[in-house]
Each structure stands twice: as C-alpha cells, then as structure tokens.
Amino acid sequence: MAGIDNTNSTGQAMKRMAIGIAALGVLTALLFFVAPDGFYLWAKAIHVIAVISWMAGMLYLPRLFVYHVDAEKGSVQSETFKVMERRLLRAIINPAMTATWVFGLWLAWKGFGFHGGWLHAKIGAVLLLSAVHGYLAGAVRKFAEDRNEKPARHWRIVNEIPTLLMIVIVVLVVVKPF
C-alpha cells in the first residue's frame, strides 16, 4: 500500500526487541552464575511471565484474523492488520514461546528430572500449543500475501484452542493428577 510505510518503525521495533531479549539473556546468565542456588525461583518467575506473554499473543492473534477477514484486500485497514499481526508474532509471541520452552525444559530437568506422568502430559500439551503457534505463524504469512481462504468462523474456533490447552496445562501443573 502506497500510503503506509512501516519499514523504519518496524526496524526500530525489531531493534528494541532484540535489545530486550539480549538484556534478558545477560541478566539470566548473570543470575545463574552469581546466585545459582536462587536461580530456580528466578527461572520459574521468568517462565511464568513468558507463558503469560505467549498466551496473550496466542489469544489475540486469531482475534485479529477474525477482523482482518472482513477488511478489503489492499485497503488501509487490511495493511494495518498485516503490520499488527507481524509485529505481534515477531515481537511478542515468538520470543515468549522460546523463553517458555527454554525455561520450562530447564525447570522440568532441574526440579523434576523429567519424571512424572503429569509432566509428560504437560509437555505433550505444550507441544500441541506450539503446533497451534506454527499454524498461526503460517496464517500470518498467508494474510500478508492476501492468500487467506479461511472464514471468520474458522478463526473464532481456532481462537478457542489455546484456551482449552491452557486449561489442561494449568490443571496438570497445579493438581498433578498422575
């Protein structure tokens, strides 16, 4: 679209995101080496923050698709949705998923030695959530290329999948039924 140029602002946003991720990595490494005995609780806190961020994006992105479907291809509104979807995926959802997996696997190893039926089921549910993430990332590409063929109803249904998986995961972690 000729009226919308987000190249510079997108580049600046990506630069800020990279700086934030690098800062988190440096602080995490510092915590790990300076206070290894207290690192477990910090890792758990970072894991929970990453999960909340990931879930926020996973719940918002399909909702954007619901509205994007109704926007005319090539319109200012459609182009705005493309920018919103791309930034949400790249700046929030992808880094949050990565941090969730990194800290979650470390916690599973350090805290539980990868033992427990509930933990195996949780990891399975998180794998399914990651598959949904991949599906949504593919949809962002299709919308960016004006190739979406799914109706709004499809995206409303897809919007419920992360919620259902989140419920399963939380119950497994808190109740540890097996």
Protein backbone atom coordinates (compact mmCIF):
# COMPACT_ATOMS: atom_id res chain seq x y z
CA MET A 1 0.00 0.00 0.00
CA ALA A 2 1.48 3.31 -1.04
CA GLY A 3 0.09 5.27 1.93
CA ILE A 4 1.62 3.08 4.61
CA ASP A 5 5.37 2.83 5.17
CA ASN A 6 6.24 0.95 8.32
CA THR A 7 9.76 -0.03 7.32
CA ASN A 8 11.54 2.34 9.70
CA SER A 9 9.21 1.85 12.67
CA THR A 10 9.27 -1.92 12.18
CA GLY A 11 13.06 -1.88 12.07
CA GLN A 12 13.19 0.19 15.26
CA ALA A 13 10.70 -2.14 16.97
CA MET A 14 12.74 -5.18 15.99
CA LYS A 15 15.92 -3.49 17.24
CA ARG A 16 14.27 -2.73 20.61
CA MET A 17 13.02 -6.31 20.80
CA ALA A 18 16.50 -7.71 20.10
CA ILE A 19 18.00 -5.44 22.77
CA GLY A 20 15.35 -6.57 25.26
CA ILE A 21 15.97 -10.24 24.53
CA ALA A 22 19.74 -9.76 24.79
CA ALA A 23 19.31 -7.93 28.11
CA LEU A 24 17.12 -10.74 29.44
CA GLY A 25 19.74 -13.28 28.33
CA VAL A 26 22.57 -11.37 30.02
CA LEU A 27 20.59 -10.90 33.25
CA THR A 28 19.59 -14.57 33.25
CA ALA A 29 23.20 -15.71 32.78
CA LEU A 30 24.31 -13.30 35.50
CA LEU A 31 21.72 -14.68 37.90
CA PHE A 32 22.68 -18.24 37.02
CA PHE A 33 26.39 -17.69 37.71
CA VAL A 34 26.17 -15.22 40.61
CA ALA A 35 23.43 -16.94 42.60
CA PRO A 36 22.98 -20.49 41.29
CA ASP A 37 21.13 -21.59 44.46
CA GLY A 38 18.44 -18.94 43.98
CA PHE A 39 18.22 -19.29 40.22
CA TYR A 40 15.43 -21.88 40.27
CA LEU A 41 12.88 -19.39 41.63
CA TRP A 42 14.01 -16.72 39.17
CA ALA A 43 13.75 -19.22 36.32
CA LYS A 44 10.25 -20.13 37.46
CA ALA A 45 9.24 -16.44 37.57
CA ILE A 46 10.64 -15.81 34.08
CA HIS A 47 8.90 -18.95 32.83
CA VAL A 48 5.52 -17.79 34.19
CA ILE A 49 5.99 -14.31 32.69
CA ALA A 50 6.90 -15.86 29.32
CA VAL A 51 3.87 -18.17 29.45
CA ILE A 52 1.54 -15.24 30.19
CA SER A 53 3.05 -13.25 27.30
CA TRP A 54 2.82 -16.22 24.93
CA MET A 55 -0.79 -16.90 25.85
CA ALA A 56 -1.75 -13.23 25.48
CA GLY A 57 -0.43 -13.27 21.93
CA MET A 58 -1.92 -16.69 21.14
CA LEU A 59 -5.35 -15.45 22.24
CA TYR A 60 -5.10 -12.09 20.45
CA LEU A 61 -3.71 -13.16 17.06
CA PRO A 62 -6.70 -15.28 15.93
CA ARG A 63 -8.99 -12.44 17.05
CA LEU A 64 -7.08 -10.10 14.73
CA PHE A 65 -7.64 -12.63 11.94
CA VAL A 66 -11.41 -12.56 12.60
CA TYR A 67 -11.42 -8.81 11.89
CA HIS A 68 -8.83 -8.99 9.12
CA VAL A 69 -11.04 -11.39 7.13
CA ASP A 70 -13.66 -8.61 6.85
CA ALA A 71 -11.17 -5.98 5.63
CA GLU A 72 -10.98 -5.47 1.88
CA LYS A 73 -7.71 -6.73 0.41
CA GLY A 74 -5.31 -3.87 -0.25
CA SER A 75 -7.25 -1.44 1.95
CA VAL A 76 -5.57 0.69 4.62
CA GLN A 77 -7.36 -1.39 7.23
CA SER A 78 -6.03 -4.66 5.77
CA GLU A 79 -2.48 -3.30 5.61
CA THR A 80 -2.74 -2.15 9.24
CA PHE A 81 -3.83 -5.62 10.31
CA LYS A 82 -0.82 -7.09 8.47
CA VAL A 83 1.55 -4.85 10.44
CA MET A 84 -0.19 -5.64 13.74
CA GLU A 85 -0.12 -9.40 13.09
CA ARG A 86 3.52 -9.43 12.01
CA ARG A 87 4.67 -7.36 14.99
CA LEU A 88 2.63 -9.41 17.46
CA LEU A 89 4.12 -12.64 16.12
CA ARG A 90 7.73 -11.46 15.86
CA ALA A 91 8.00 -9.17 18.88
CA ILE A 92 5.84 -10.98 21.45
CA ILE A 93 4.66 -14.47 20.53
CA ASN A 94 7.89 -15.93 19.10
CA PRO A 95 10.24 -14.66 21.84
CA ALA A 96 7.74 -15.59 24.56
CA MET A 97 7.38 -19.13 23.21
CA THR A 98 11.15 -19.51 23.04
CA ALA A 99 11.61 -18.31 26.62
CA THR A 100 8.75 -20.56 27.77
CA TRP A 101 10.41 -23.62 26.25
CA VAL A 102 13.94 -22.79 27.40
CA PHE A 103 13.00 -22.07 31.00
CA GLY A 104 10.29 -24.74 31.11
CA LEU A 105 12.63 -27.50 29.98
CA TRP A 106 15.30 -26.34 32.42
CA LEU A 107 12.73 -26.34 35.25
CA ALA A 108 11.49 -29.80 34.25
CA TRP A 109 15.05 -31.11 34.34
CA LYS A 110 16.23 -29.29 37.47
CA GLY A 111 13.05 -29.60 39.52
CA PHE A 112 11.64 -32.95 38.44
CA GLY A 113 14.33 -34.77 36.46
CA PHE A 114 11.74 -35.10 33.68
CA HIS A 115 9.80 -37.57 35.88
CA GLY A 116 6.06 -37.62 36.45
CA GLY A 117 3.09 -38.52 34.30
CA TRP A 118 1.61 -35.06 34.76
CA LEU A 119 4.86 -33.52 33.46
CA HIS A 120 4.89 -35.72 30.37
CA ALA A 121 1.24 -34.83 29.68
CA LYS A 122 2.03 -31.15 30.20
CA ILE A 123 4.92 -31.29 27.75
CA GLY A 124 2.59 -33.01 25.27
CA ALA A 125 0.01 -30.23 25.69
CA VAL A 126 2.73 -27.58 25.24
CA LEU A 127 3.83 -29.37 22.05
CA LEU A 128 0.24 -29.10 20.80
CA LEU A 129 0.20 -25.40 21.74
CA SER A 130 3.45 -24.99 19.79
CA ALA A 131 1.79 -26.66 16.79
CA VAL A 132 -1.06 -24.14 17.02
CA HIS A 133 1.60 -21.42 17.19
CA GLY A 134 3.10 -22.75 13.96
CA TYR A 135 -0.32 -22.82 12.32
CA LEU A 136 -0.93 -19.19 13.32
CA ALA A 137 2.53 -18.17 12.06
CA GLY A 138 1.66 -19.71 8.70
CA ALA A 139 -1.61 -17.80 8.71
CA VAL A 140 0.25 -14.53 9.32
CA ARG A 141 2.25 -15.23 6.15
CA LYS A 142 -0.91 -16.05 4.18
CA PHE A 143 -2.66 -12.88 5.35
CA ALA A 144 0.46 -10.83 4.49
CA GLU A 145 0.29 -12.22 0.95
CA ASP A 146 -3.52 -11.77 0.75
CA ARG A 147 -3.92 -15.55 0.43
CA ASN A 148 -6.15 -16.30 3.43
CA GLU A 149 -9.04 -18.53 2.42
CA LYS A 150 -10.49 -19.22 5.88
CA PRO A 151 -13.71 -17.51 7.01
CA ALA A 152 -14.05 -15.55 10.26
CA ARG A 153 -15.89 -18.52 11.83
CA HIS A 154 -12.77 -20.67 11.38
CA TRP A 155 -10.63 -18.12 13.24
CA ARG A 156 -13.23 -17.85 16.03
CA ILE A 157 -12.99 -21.61 16.55
CA VAL A 158 -9.17 -21.60 16.32
CA ASN A 159 -9.21 -18.82 18.95
CA GLU A 160 -10.59 -21.33 21.49
CA ILE A 161 -7.84 -23.95 21.05
CA PRO A 162 -5.14 -22.09 23.05
CA THR A 163 -7.68 -21.53 25.85
CA LEU A 164 -8.51 -25.23 26.07
CA LEU A 165 -4.84 -26.21 26.05
CA MET A 166 -4.08 -23.59 28.70
CA ILE A 167 -6.77 -25.08 30.98
CA VAL A 168 -5.31 -28.57 30.54
CA ILE A 169 -1.77 -27.32 31.23
CA VAL A 170 -2.72 -25.35 34.34
CA VAL A 171 -4.69 -28.27 35.80
CA LEU A 172 -1.77 -30.62 35.16
CA VAL A 173 0.73 -28.27 36.82
CA VAL A 174 -1.39 -27.36 39.84
CA VAL A 175 -3.25 -30.61 40.55
CA LYS A 176 -0.63 -33.08 39.25
CA PRO A 177 -3.32 -35.76 38.84
CA PHE A 178 -0.87 -38.54 37.94
